[in-house]
Amino acid sequence: MSGKLFIFSAPSGSGKTTIVRHLLKQDFNLEFSVSATSRASRGSEINGKDYYFLSIEEFKQKIANEEFLEWEEVYDDCYYGTLKSEIDRIRNRGNNVVFDVDVVGGVNIKKYYKDDALAVFIQPPSIEELEKRLRGRKTDSEEVIAERIKKFKFELSFADQFDKVIINDNLESALKEAENTLSEFIKQ
């Protein structure tokens, strides 16, 4: 039996990666879908574990070969995408797939897999809190932070296309709500 799919999307800095990492440690038979990106690695990110880091040329070639389930040019020459082979590998093992993707990618994956997928939107409590979190990471330049904040309103407009919205104003509560949401979907 093929595993189910759990899509977590959010504006950058909302806490989706923290929530996904927590869920991977729980007993949900989850395997992380490693996305591909054309951006450089940040800090201690590992190729093949955090992302598949590709050059812009490699990414574009995979697009031309239709190797992506979905892909998006999130910022100029900064691509993210989900390789079809990654999803097939995980589901064929009978594991559930968990995605940590941008909102457009999340919507596209949900459209493709329909009822086999649960799409969860993680929302920060405010734009001020989002800015504080982005600055706290100390991984992005001021220009990148400004661009991410500007993009926040656009990404927020996609929330109603998700099956569930979790407002991450308290991490412990958000983690518990995510656990309960997955438990209910697995039972279906």
N, C-alpha and C. Protein backbone atom coordinates (compact mmCIF):
# COMPACT_ATOMS: atom_id res chain seq x y z
N MET A 1 0.84 -1.19 0.00
CA MET A 1 0.00 0.00 0.00
C MET A 1 0.88 1.25 0.00
N SER A 2 0.53 2.20 -0.83
CA SER A 2 1.28 3.45 -0.88
C SER A 2 1.00 4.29 0.35
N GLY A 3 2.03 4.97 0.80
CA GLY A 3 1.87 5.84 1.96
C GLY A 3 1.09 7.09 1.63
N LYS A 4 0.62 7.76 2.68
CA LYS A 4 -0.08 9.03 2.54
C LYS A 4 0.93 10.16 2.47
N LEU A 5 0.44 11.33 2.09
CA LEU A 5 1.30 12.49 1.93
C LEU A 5 0.85 13.61 2.85
N PHE A 6 1.80 14.22 3.53
CA PHE A 6 1.54 15.34 4.43
C PHE A 6 2.35 16.53 3.94
N ILE A 7 1.65 17.57 3.54
CA ILE A 7 2.27 18.75 2.96
C ILE A 7 2.25 19.87 4.00
N PHE A 8 3.43 20.37 4.33
CA PHE A 8 3.53 21.52 5.23
C PHE A 8 4.11 22.69 4.44
N SER A 9 3.34 23.77 4.39
CA SER A 9 3.75 24.97 3.67
C SER A 9 3.53 26.17 4.57
N ALA A 10 4.29 27.23 4.28
CA ALA A 10 4.20 28.43 5.10
C ALA A 10 5.11 29.50 4.53
N PRO A 11 4.84 30.74 4.90
CA PRO A 11 5.83 31.78 4.60
C PRO A 11 7.13 31.46 5.34
N SER A 12 8.24 31.82 4.77
CA SER A 12 9.54 31.58 5.39
C SER A 12 9.57 32.21 6.78
N GLY A 13 10.00 31.44 7.78
CA GLY A 13 10.08 31.94 9.15
C GLY A 13 8.87 31.62 10.00
N SER A 14 7.91 30.88 9.46
CA SER A 14 6.69 30.55 10.20
C SER A 14 6.86 29.40 11.17
N GLY A 15 7.91 28.61 10.98
CA GLY A 15 8.15 27.48 11.88
C GLY A 15 7.84 26.12 11.29
N LYS A 16 7.58 26.07 9.98
CA LYS A 16 7.20 24.78 9.39
C LYS A 16 8.31 23.75 9.47
N THR A 17 9.54 24.15 9.28
CA THR A 17 10.66 23.20 9.33
C THR A 17 10.82 22.64 10.75
N THR A 18 10.66 23.48 11.75
CA THR A 18 10.72 23.03 13.14
C THR A 18 9.62 22.02 13.41
N ILE A 19 8.41 22.29 12.93
CA ILE A 19 7.28 21.37 13.13
C ILE A 19 7.52 20.06 12.39
N VAL A 20 7.97 20.13 11.16
CA VAL A 20 8.23 18.91 10.38
C VAL A 20 9.31 18.06 11.06
N ARG A 21 10.37 18.68 11.52
CA ARG A 21 11.43 17.93 12.20
C ARG A 21 10.90 17.23 13.45
N HIS A 22 10.01 17.89 14.18
CA HIS A 22 9.39 17.29 15.36
C HIS A 22 8.56 16.07 14.95
N LEU A 23 7.74 16.22 13.92
CA LEU A 23 6.86 15.13 13.48
C LEU A 23 7.65 13.91 13.00
N LEU A 24 8.79 14.15 12.39
CA LEU A 24 9.63 13.05 11.92
C LEU A 24 10.14 12.18 13.08
N LYS A 25 10.20 12.74 14.27
CA LYS A 25 10.66 11.99 15.45
C LYS A 25 9.53 11.21 16.12
N GLN A 26 8.29 11.45 15.67
CA GLN A 26 7.13 10.78 16.26
C GLN A 26 6.84 9.49 15.48
N ASP A 27 5.88 8.74 15.97
CA ASP A 27 5.56 7.43 15.39
C ASP A 27 4.48 7.54 14.31
N PHE A 28 4.79 8.23 13.21
CA PHE A 28 3.86 8.39 12.11
C PHE A 28 4.33 7.69 10.83
N ASN A 29 5.41 6.92 10.92
CA ASN A 29 5.97 6.25 9.74
C ASN A 29 6.24 7.25 8.62
N LEU A 30 6.80 8.39 9.01
CA LEU A 30 7.07 9.48 8.07
C LEU A 30 8.48 9.40 7.52
N GLU A 31 8.59 9.76 6.26
CA GLU A 31 9.90 9.94 5.65
C GLU A 31 9.88 11.29 4.95
N PHE A 32 10.92 12.05 5.15
CA PHE A 32 11.02 13.40 4.63
C PHE A 32 11.27 13.40 3.13
N SER A 33 10.46 14.18 2.41
CA SER A 33 10.69 14.38 0.99
C SER A 33 11.71 15.50 0.85
N VAL A 34 12.89 15.15 0.40
CA VAL A 34 13.96 16.12 0.24
C VAL A 34 13.71 16.88 -1.06
N SER A 35 13.55 18.19 -0.94
CA SER A 35 13.33 19.05 -2.10
C SER A 35 14.65 19.36 -2.77
N ALA A 36 14.55 19.75 -4.02
CA ALA A 36 15.72 20.23 -4.76
C ALA A 36 15.66 21.76 -4.77
N THR A 37 16.82 22.39 -4.80
CA THR A 37 16.89 23.85 -4.88
C THR A 37 18.14 24.28 -5.64
N SER A 38 18.05 25.46 -6.21
CA SER A 38 19.21 26.02 -6.90
C SER A 38 19.96 27.00 -6.00
N ARG A 39 19.48 27.23 -4.79
CA ARG A 39 20.18 28.15 -3.89
C ARG A 39 21.34 27.43 -3.21
N ALA A 40 22.26 28.22 -2.69
CA ALA A 40 23.40 27.66 -1.96
C ALA A 40 22.94 27.16 -0.59
N SER A 41 23.67 26.22 -0.03
CA SER A 41 23.31 25.71 1.29
C SER A 41 23.55 26.79 2.34
N ARG A 42 22.75 26.72 3.41
CA ARG A 42 22.87 27.65 4.54
C ARG A 42 23.48 26.90 5.71
N GLY A 43 24.49 27.47 6.30
CA GLY A 43 25.05 26.90 7.53
C GLY A 43 25.44 25.44 7.40
N SER A 44 24.78 24.59 8.17
CA SER A 44 25.15 23.17 8.24
C SER A 44 24.27 22.27 7.38
N GLU A 45 23.52 22.84 6.42
CA GLU A 45 22.67 22.03 5.57
C GLU A 45 23.50 21.04 4.75
N ILE A 46 22.95 19.83 4.58
CA ILE A 46 23.66 18.74 3.91
C ILE A 46 22.92 18.36 2.63
N ASN A 47 23.68 18.24 1.54
CA ASN A 47 23.11 17.82 0.26
C ASN A 47 22.56 16.40 0.39
N GLY A 48 21.31 16.21 -0.08
CA GLY A 48 20.67 14.90 -0.01
C GLY A 48 19.93 14.66 1.29
N LYS A 49 20.16 15.49 2.28
CA LYS A 49 19.45 15.36 3.57
C LYS A 49 18.50 16.54 3.77
N ASP A 50 19.02 17.75 3.64
CA ASP A 50 18.19 18.94 3.80
C ASP A 50 17.57 19.35 2.46
N TYR A 51 18.36 19.32 1.42
CA TYR A 51 17.95 19.61 0.05
C TYR A 51 18.88 18.87 -0.89
N TYR A 52 18.45 18.74 -2.15
CA TYR A 52 19.36 18.37 -3.23
C TYR A 52 19.78 19.71 -3.83
N PHE A 53 21.01 20.08 -3.62
CA PHE A 53 21.51 21.37 -4.11
C PHE A 53 21.98 21.19 -5.55
N LEU A 54 21.31 21.89 -6.47
CA LEU A 54 21.59 21.80 -7.90
C LEU A 54 22.01 23.17 -8.42
N SER A 55 22.81 23.17 -9.46
CA SER A 55 23.09 24.44 -10.12
C SER A 55 21.82 24.88 -10.86
N ILE A 56 21.76 26.14 -11.24
CA ILE A 56 20.61 26.63 -11.99
C ILE A 56 20.46 25.83 -13.28
N GLU A 57 21.59 25.53 -13.92
CA GLU A 57 21.55 24.76 -15.17
C GLU A 57 21.02 23.35 -14.94
N GLU A 58 21.48 22.68 -13.88
CA GLU A 58 20.99 21.33 -13.57
C GLU A 58 19.49 21.35 -13.28
N PHE A 59 19.05 22.36 -12.54
CA PHE A 59 17.64 22.47 -12.20
C PHE A 59 16.80 22.64 -13.47
N LYS A 60 17.23 23.52 -14.34
CA LYS A 60 16.49 23.78 -15.58
C LYS A 60 16.45 22.53 -16.47
N GLN A 61 17.52 21.75 -16.46
CA GLN A 61 17.53 20.52 -17.26
C GLN A 61 16.51 19.52 -16.73
N LYS A 62 16.39 19.40 -15.41
CA LYS A 62 15.40 18.50 -14.82
C LYS A 62 13.98 18.98 -15.11
N ILE A 63 13.78 20.30 -15.16
CA ILE A 63 12.48 20.84 -15.56
C ILE A 63 12.17 20.40 -16.99
N ALA A 64 13.14 20.57 -17.87
CA ALA A 64 12.95 20.20 -19.28
C ALA A 64 12.67 18.70 -19.43
N ASN A 65 13.26 17.89 -18.56
CA ASN A 65 13.06 16.43 -18.61
C ASN A 65 11.79 15.99 -17.87
N GLU A 66 11.03 16.95 -17.34
CA GLU A 66 9.79 16.68 -16.59
C GLU A 66 10.02 15.75 -15.41
N GLU A 67 11.13 15.97 -14.69
CA GLU A 67 11.48 15.14 -13.53
C GLU A 67 10.87 15.66 -12.23
N PHE A 68 10.21 16.83 -12.29
CA PHE A 68 9.63 17.41 -11.08
C PHE A 68 8.12 17.19 -11.01
N LEU A 69 7.65 16.88 -9.81
CA LEU A 69 6.21 16.86 -9.53
C LEU A 69 5.71 18.30 -9.56
N GLU A 70 6.49 19.16 -8.97
CA GLU A 70 6.21 20.60 -8.96
C GLU A 70 7.52 21.32 -8.80
N TRP A 71 7.56 22.53 -9.27
CA TRP A 71 8.74 23.38 -9.09
C TRP A 71 8.29 24.83 -9.17
N GLU A 72 9.10 25.69 -8.64
CA GLU A 72 8.76 27.10 -8.61
C GLU A 72 10.04 27.92 -8.60
N GLU A 73 10.03 29.02 -9.34
CA GLU A 73 11.11 29.99 -9.22
C GLU A 73 10.65 30.95 -8.13
N VAL A 74 11.08 30.68 -6.90
CA VAL A 74 10.59 31.41 -5.73
C VAL A 74 11.12 32.84 -5.71
N TYR A 75 12.37 33.00 -6.05
CA TYR A 75 13.01 34.31 -6.21
C TYR A 75 13.79 34.23 -7.51
N ASP A 76 14.28 35.35 -8.03
CA ASP A 76 15.04 35.32 -9.28
C ASP A 76 16.18 34.32 -9.21
N ASP A 77 16.18 33.37 -10.15
CA ASP A 77 17.20 32.31 -10.26
C ASP A 77 17.34 31.48 -8.98
N CYS A 78 16.29 31.44 -8.18
CA CYS A 78 16.27 30.60 -6.98
C CYS A 78 15.07 29.67 -7.09
N TYR A 79 15.36 28.43 -7.52
CA TYR A 79 14.32 27.45 -7.78
C TYR A 79 14.22 26.45 -6.64
N TYR A 80 12.99 25.98 -6.42
CA TYR A 80 12.72 24.88 -5.49
C TYR A 80 11.80 23.91 -6.21
N GLY A 81 11.93 22.62 -5.93
CA GLY A 81 11.04 21.66 -6.57
C GLY A 81 11.08 20.31 -5.89
N THR A 82 10.08 19.50 -6.23
CA THR A 82 9.95 18.15 -5.69
C THR A 82 10.15 17.15 -6.81
N LEU A 83 11.16 16.32 -6.68
CA LEU A 83 11.44 15.31 -7.69
C LEU A 83 10.44 14.16 -7.59
N LYS A 84 9.88 13.77 -8.72
CA LYS A 84 8.92 12.65 -8.75
C LYS A 84 9.55 11.37 -8.20
N SER A 85 10.80 11.15 -8.53
CA SER A 85 11.48 9.92 -8.09
C SER A 85 11.58 9.83 -6.57
N GLU A 86 11.68 10.96 -5.90
CA GLU A 86 11.75 10.99 -4.44
C GLU A 86 10.44 10.51 -3.82
N ILE A 87 9.32 10.96 -4.35
CA ILE A 87 8.01 10.58 -3.82
C ILE A 87 7.75 9.10 -4.09
N ASP A 88 8.03 8.65 -5.30
CA ASP A 88 7.83 7.23 -5.65
C ASP A 88 8.66 6.32 -4.74
N ARG A 89 9.89 6.70 -4.49
CA ARG A 89 10.77 5.89 -3.64
C ARG A 89 10.18 5.72 -2.25
N ILE A 90 9.73 6.80 -1.65
CA ILE A 90 9.19 6.76 -0.29
C ILE A 90 7.87 5.98 -0.24
N ARG A 91 6.95 6.28 -1.13
CA ARG A 91 5.63 5.64 -1.12
C ARG A 91 5.72 4.15 -1.43
N ASN A 92 6.62 3.79 -2.32
CA ASN A 92 6.77 2.37 -2.66
C ASN A 92 7.28 1.54 -1.50
N ARG A 93 7.91 2.19 -0.54
CA ARG A 93 8.37 1.50 0.67
C ARG A 93 7.25 1.41 1.71
N GLY A 94 6.08 2.00 1.39
CA GLY A 94 4.95 1.98 2.31
C GLY A 94 5.01 3.06 3.37
N ASN A 95 5.95 3.98 3.25
CA ASN A 95 6.07 5.06 4.23
C ASN A 95 5.19 6.23 3.83
N ASN A 96 4.84 7.03 4.82
CA ASN A 96 4.13 8.29 4.58
C ASN A 96 5.17 9.35 4.25
N VAL A 97 4.81 10.22 3.32
CA VAL A 97 5.72 11.26 2.87
C VAL A 97 5.37 12.58 3.55
N VAL A 98 6.38 13.28 4.05
CA VAL A 98 6.14 14.61 4.60
C VAL A 98 6.94 15.62 3.77
N PHE A 99 6.25 16.69 3.38
CA PHE A 99 6.84 17.75 2.56
C PHE A 99 7.00 19.02 3.38
N ASP A 100 8.08 19.71 3.17
CA ASP A 100 8.33 21.04 3.72
C ASP A 100 8.57 21.91 2.49
N VAL A 101 7.49 22.52 1.97
CA VAL A 101 7.57 23.22 0.69
C VAL A 101 6.92 24.60 0.77
N ASP A 102 7.25 25.46 -0.22
CA ASP A 102 6.63 26.77 -0.30
C ASP A 102 5.14 26.61 -0.62
N VAL A 103 4.37 27.68 -0.44
CA VAL A 103 2.92 27.58 -0.54
C VAL A 103 2.43 27.20 -1.94
N VAL A 104 3.06 27.71 -2.97
CA VAL A 104 2.65 27.36 -4.33
C VAL A 104 2.91 25.87 -4.59
N GLY A 105 4.08 25.39 -4.15
CA GLY A 105 4.38 23.97 -4.28
C GLY A 105 3.40 23.12 -3.51
N GLY A 106 3.03 23.56 -2.32
CA GLY A 106 2.07 22.82 -1.50
C GLY A 106 0.72 22.69 -2.19
N VAL A 107 0.25 23.78 -2.77
CA VAL A 107 -1.03 23.76 -3.48
C VAL A 107 -0.95 22.82 -4.68
N ASN A 108 0.16 22.87 -5.41
CA ASN A 108 0.32 22.01 -6.59
C ASN A 108 0.38 20.53 -6.23
N ILE A 109 1.07 20.20 -5.15
CA ILE A 109 1.15 18.79 -4.72
C ILE A 109 -0.23 18.31 -4.29
N LYS A 110 -0.97 19.12 -3.56
CA LYS A 110 -2.33 18.77 -3.13
C LYS A 110 -3.22 18.51 -4.34
N LYS A 111 -3.15 19.37 -5.35
CA LYS A 111 -3.96 19.19 -6.56
C LYS A 111 -3.62 17.86 -7.25
N TYR A 112 -2.35 17.49 -7.26
CA TYR A 112 -1.90 16.28 -7.94
C TYR A 112 -2.36 15.02 -7.20
N TYR A 113 -2.20 15.00 -5.87
CA TYR A 113 -2.50 13.79 -5.09
C TYR A 113 -3.90 13.79 -4.46
N LYS A 114 -4.58 14.91 -4.48
CA LYS A 114 -5.95 15.05 -3.98
C LYS A 114 -6.14 14.46 -2.58
N ASP A 115 -7.02 13.45 -2.44
CA ASP A 115 -7.37 12.92 -1.12
C ASP A 115 -6.28 12.08 -0.47
N ASP A 116 -5.24 11.71 -1.21
CA ASP A 116 -4.11 10.99 -0.61
C ASP A 116 -3.21 11.92 0.18
N ALA A 117 -3.44 13.23 0.03
CA ALA A 117 -2.56 14.22 0.66
C ALA A 117 -3.35 15.11 1.61
N LEU A 118 -2.70 15.48 2.71
CA LEU A 118 -3.24 16.46 3.64
C LEU A 118 -2.32 17.68 3.57
N ALA A 119 -2.91 18.83 3.24
CA ALA A 119 -2.14 20.06 3.11
C ALA A 119 -2.34 20.93 4.34
N VAL A 120 -1.23 21.26 5.02
CA VAL A 120 -1.27 22.05 6.26
C VAL A 120 -0.49 23.35 6.04
N PHE A 121 -1.13 24.46 6.37
CA PHE A 121 -0.52 25.78 6.24
C PHE A 121 -0.13 26.24 7.64
N ILE A 122 1.14 26.55 7.83
CA ILE A 122 1.63 27.06 9.11
C ILE A 122 1.73 28.58 8.98
N GLN A 123 1.06 29.27 9.89
CA GLN A 123 0.99 30.73 9.81
C GLN A 123 1.61 31.36 11.05
N PRO A 124 2.47 32.35 10.87
CA PRO A 124 2.97 33.08 12.05
C PRO A 124 1.86 33.96 12.61
N PRO A 125 1.92 34.32 13.88
CA PRO A 125 0.86 35.13 14.47
C PRO A 125 0.78 36.55 13.91
N SER A 126 1.90 37.09 13.41
CA SER A 126 1.89 38.45 12.88
C SER A 126 3.12 38.67 11.99
N ILE A 127 3.07 39.73 11.22
CA ILE A 127 4.21 40.07 10.37
C ILE A 127 5.40 40.50 11.23
N GLU A 128 5.13 41.11 12.38
CA GLU A 128 6.21 41.53 13.28
C GLU A 128 6.95 40.32 13.84
N GLU A 129 6.18 39.29 14.20
CA GLU A 129 6.80 38.07 14.73
C GLU A 129 7.60 37.37 13.62
N LEU A 130 7.07 37.37 12.42
CA LEU A 130 7.78 36.78 11.30
C LEU A 130 9.13 37.47 11.09
N GLU A 131 9.13 38.79 11.10
CA GLU A 131 10.37 39.54 10.92
C GLU A 131 11.37 39.22 12.04
N LYS A 132 10.89 39.13 13.26
CA LYS A 132 11.74 38.79 14.41
C LYS A 132 12.38 37.41 14.22
N ARG A 133 11.60 36.44 13.76
CA ARG A 133 12.12 35.08 13.54
C ARG A 133 13.16 35.06 12.43
N LEU A 134 12.88 35.76 11.35
CA LEU A 134 13.84 35.79 10.23
C LEU A 134 15.17 36.42 10.66
N ARG A 135 15.09 37.48 11.42
CA ARG A 135 16.32 38.12 11.91
C ARG A 135 17.05 37.22 12.91
N GLY A 136 16.29 36.50 13.71
CA GLY A 136 16.87 35.61 14.71
C GLY A 136 17.65 34.45 14.12
N ARG A 137 17.32 34.05 12.91
CA ARG A 137 18.05 32.97 12.23
C ARG A 137 19.51 33.33 11.96
N LYS A 138 19.70 34.62 11.64
CA LYS A 138 21.03 35.14 11.28
C LYS A 138 21.63 34.40 10.08
N THR A 139 20.76 34.04 9.12
CA THR A 139 21.23 33.35 7.92
C THR A 139 21.00 34.16 6.65
N ASP A 140 20.17 35.21 6.74
CA ASP A 140 19.80 35.95 5.54
C ASP A 140 20.25 37.41 5.64
N SER A 141 20.55 38.00 4.48
CA SER A 141 20.91 39.41 4.43
C SER A 141 19.65 40.26 4.66
N GLU A 142 19.84 41.53 4.89
CA GLU A 142 18.72 42.46 5.08
C GLU A 142 17.83 42.48 3.82
N GLU A 143 18.46 42.40 2.64
CA GLU A 143 17.70 42.41 1.39
C GLU A 143 16.80 41.18 1.30
N VAL A 144 17.33 40.03 1.67
CA VAL A 144 16.56 38.79 1.62
C VAL A 144 15.41 38.84 2.63
N ILE A 145 15.68 39.33 3.82
CA ILE A 145 14.63 39.46 4.84
C ILE A 145 13.52 40.38 4.33
N ALA A 146 13.89 41.52 3.75
CA ALA A 146 12.90 42.46 3.23
C ALA A 146 12.06 41.80 2.13
N GLU A 147 12.70 41.01 1.28
CA GLU A 147 11.99 40.32 0.20
C GLU A 147 11.03 39.28 0.76
N ARG A 148 11.45 38.55 1.79
CA ARG A 148 10.58 37.52 2.40
C ARG A 148 9.38 38.15 3.10
N ILE A 149 9.58 39.28 3.75
CA ILE A 149 8.47 39.97 4.42
C ILE A 149 7.48 40.48 3.37
N LYS A 150 7.99 41.01 2.29
CA LYS A 150 7.12 41.49 1.21
C LYS A 150 6.29 40.34 0.63
N LYS A 151 6.89 39.19 0.53
CA LYS A 151 6.21 38.03 -0.06
C LYS A 151 5.18 37.41 0.89
N PHE A 152 5.27 37.73 2.18
CA PHE A 152 4.40 37.15 3.20
C PHE A 152 2.92 37.31 2.86
N LYS A 153 2.50 38.52 2.48
CA LYS A 153 1.07 38.76 2.20
C LYS A 153 0.60 37.92 1.02
N PHE A 154 1.42 37.82 0.00
CA PHE A 154 1.08 37.00 -1.16
C PHE A 154 0.89 35.55 -0.72
N GLU A 155 1.84 35.02 0.06
CA GLU A 155 1.77 33.62 0.50
C GLU A 155 0.57 33.39 1.41
N LEU A 156 0.26 34.35 2.25
CA LEU A 156 -0.87 34.25 3.16
C LEU A 156 -2.18 34.10 2.39
N SER A 157 -2.25 34.65 1.19
CA SER A 157 -3.47 34.56 0.38
C SER A 157 -3.78 33.13 -0.06
N PHE A 158 -2.84 32.21 0.09
CA PHE A 158 -3.04 30.81 -0.30
C PHE A 158 -3.61 29.96 0.84
N ALA A 159 -3.66 30.50 2.06
CA ALA A 159 -4.03 29.70 3.24
C ALA A 159 -5.36 28.97 3.06
N ASP A 160 -6.33 29.60 2.40
CA ASP A 160 -7.65 28.97 2.27
C ASP A 160 -7.66 27.79 1.29
N GLN A 161 -6.55 27.55 0.60
CA GLN A 161 -6.47 26.40 -0.31
C GLN A 161 -5.89 25.16 0.39
N PHE A 162 -5.63 25.28 1.68
CA PHE A 162 -5.08 24.17 2.46
C PHE A 162 -6.18 23.52 3.29
N ASP A 163 -5.97 22.26 3.62
CA ASP A 163 -6.96 21.52 4.42
C ASP A 163 -7.00 22.00 5.86
N LYS A 164 -5.88 22.48 6.36
CA LYS A 164 -5.76 22.86 7.77
C LYS A 164 -4.81 24.04 7.89
N VAL A 165 -5.15 25.01 8.74
CA VAL A 165 -4.27 26.13 9.04
C VAL A 165 -3.93 26.05 10.53
N ILE A 166 -2.64 26.06 10.83
CA ILE A 166 -2.17 26.07 12.21
C ILE A 166 -1.43 27.39 12.43
N ILE A 167 -1.91 28.17 13.39
CA ILE A 167 -1.24 29.43 13.72
C ILE A 167 -0.18 29.12 14.77
N ASN A 168 1.06 29.38 14.39
CA ASN A 168 2.19 29.07 15.27
C ASN A 168 2.53 30.28 16.14
N ASP A 169 1.67 30.52 17.14
CA ASP A 169 1.97 31.59 18.09
C ASP A 169 2.57 31.02 19.37
N ASN A 170 2.44 29.71 19.56
CA ASN A 170 3.05 29.00 20.67
C ASN A 170 3.52 27.67 20.12
N LEU A 171 4.84 27.45 20.11
CA LEU A 171 5.39 26.28 19.44
C LEU A 171 4.84 24.97 20.00
N GLU A 172 4.76 24.83 21.31
CA GLU A 172 4.26 23.58 21.89
C GLU A 172 2.83 23.28 21.45
N SER A 173 1.99 24.30 21.44
CA SER A 173 0.60 24.12 20.98
C SER A 173 0.56 23.76 19.50
N ALA A 174 1.39 24.42 18.71
CA ALA A 174 1.42 24.14 17.26
C ALA A 174 1.89 22.71 17.00
N LEU A 175 2.88 22.25 17.77
CA LEU A 175 3.37 20.87 17.61
C LEU A 175 2.28 19.86 17.94
N LYS A 176 1.54 20.10 19.02
CA LYS A 176 0.47 19.20 19.43
C LYS A 176 -0.65 19.19 18.39
N GLU A 177 -1.00 20.37 17.89
CA GLU A 177 -2.04 20.45 16.87
C GLU A 177 -1.62 19.72 15.59
N ALA A 178 -0.37 19.84 15.22
CA ALA A 178 0.13 19.12 14.04
C ALA A 178 0.07 17.61 14.27
N GLU A 179 0.48 17.15 15.45
CA GLU A 179 0.40 15.72 15.77
C GLU A 179 -1.04 15.20 15.67
N ASN A 180 -1.97 15.93 16.26
CA ASN A 180 -3.38 15.52 16.23
C ASN A 180 -3.92 15.49 14.81
N THR A 181 -3.54 16.47 14.01
CA THR A 181 -3.98 16.55 12.62
C THR A 181 -3.50 15.33 11.83
N LEU A 182 -2.23 14.96 11.99
CA LEU A 182 -1.70 13.79 11.30
C LEU A 182 -2.37 12.51 11.78
N SER A 183 -2.57 12.37 13.07
CA SER A 183 -3.21 11.18 13.63
C SER A 183 -4.59 10.97 13.02
N GLU A 184 -5.37 12.05 12.93
CA GLU A 184 -6.72 11.96 12.37
C GLU A 184 -6.68 11.55 10.89
N PHE A 185 -5.76 12.12 10.14
CA PHE A 185 -5.70 11.82 8.71
C PHE A 185 -5.24 10.39 8.47
N ILE A 186 -4.33 9.89 9.26
CA ILE A 186 -3.86 8.51 9.10
C ILE A 186 -4.99 7.53 9.35
N LYS A 187 -5.89 7.85 10.27
CA LYS A 187 -7.01 6.95 10.61
C LYS A 187 -8.03 6.84 9.48
N GLN A 188 -8.06 7.83 8.59
CA GLN A 188 -9.06 7.83 7.50
C GLN A 188 -8.79 6.73 6.49
